[in-house]
Amino acid sequence: REGAGKRATPTATGRMDASVSGAGGASGGLSKEEDEMYDRQIRVWGIDTQCAIRSTRVGVVIISSSQPAEGEGGEGAAMSGKQEVVAAEFVKNLALAGIGAISIRFVTPGEEEPPPANLSFLGQSPDEIKGNLTDMNPRMAVSVSVEPRGGASNDGDDVTVVFGRNLMSMCHFLDGHQRGWAKGAGEKQKHLFAASVRGGCGFAFRHTEDGGGLSDALKAPKECIPKKVNRLYSVLRCIYSFGCKHRSSPKPTASDVKALLALGVQELASPKQQPSEALLLNYLETDAEMAAVSSIVGGSLAQEVIKAISGKGALMDNFYLFSAYGSPDSGEAKVERVTSQAPTKSKSTASTNNGNNNTNQEAICI
């Protein structure tokens, strides 16, 4: 097959391109064993992409919410011992794809005691997670740690992905993380993503230089929001606005839901953009992840990271949104661009089509 028996050499841009070679291996190409192991996926994305994947270091940061007072629920509910399924799906896909190195850090707000590391089916402790991932991909360098929030660093990571279930905690972490990430970019382009699943609602987000970070997108001027924006974005925006206003996360109570619906009227120009009560409750009623939604979001995000590593294909820009039920948008994955710049019709159409293609491609490639 075309591409077999070639090895990758770095170009002026730092990307890996294939050049003719024999054995590969030590000089930067694939060994014969690797070529046979990854044969099927190399046929999809090429040997140069496989070499780039092998030379990439990915940092995974899992933000755990603080322990609430007795009887407190809602978005700030306890994460101690909870299964981080979407993070596990993402890590699994990258491990099987042949990623070179991955560091997983469980962090908590402030100086609070970190909860147990629980990466769902990949393990319930740092040692177990590391052992299972090493069995899955013996060539991959793996580190797993549990540390306070201030200890998480993106130094040395080519791609950083932040997971969490408390939207305000994620935004706070990312706002600080983006500054360090931007300073360390240097010549080699780095990538910053975020993702979350609560109940039947899941989203992923990619930081872009022109569009900014997650908090920037959630407070974009309402005239810049696409007219047919996915309602899950509207839910996230209302919850972010609630948190900024009340300095706390909403709970699935009648008063908080009423306040969120009122924020929807204030924050969003059209009734067609405003979230439904059913979708708000879908998001708020549980912080446990629906496994099927986590699989969709985690798999799609892994595909986006592989595209970022390889430089092949348009990356999602900037939201990937999926909800299982609760609104007319439910059951369909969609890519939305929400920034401080007013959307154009052609850009919105291209993003939607790209989102559908990403979902289908993920099922083939990963």
Foldseek 3Di string as FASTA:
>chain_A
DPQPQWFWDQDPLRATDTDHHHQYPPVQGDGPVVCVLQVQLCVVVNRSLLSLQQPAEEEEEEEFADDDDPPDAWQRHGCAQAAPQLVLLQLLVSLSSNHNEYEYEYEYEDPDDTHFDHHDPCDGHQVSNVVSSCVSHVNHHYHYYYYYLVVDACPPHQEYEYEYRRLVVVVVSVVVRVVRQVVPCPSPHGWYKYKYFFQQKIKIWTADPVFGDDVQLLQAQQLQFDPQDDLVSQLSSLQSVVCVVVVDGDALDPVSLVSSQVVQVVRHPDPNNHFDSQVNCSSIVGRHGDNVNSNQRSLLVSLLVSCVSNVPDDHQATMWIEGCDRDPCHPDIAGGHGGNDHDDPVVRVVNRVSRVVSSVVSVSND
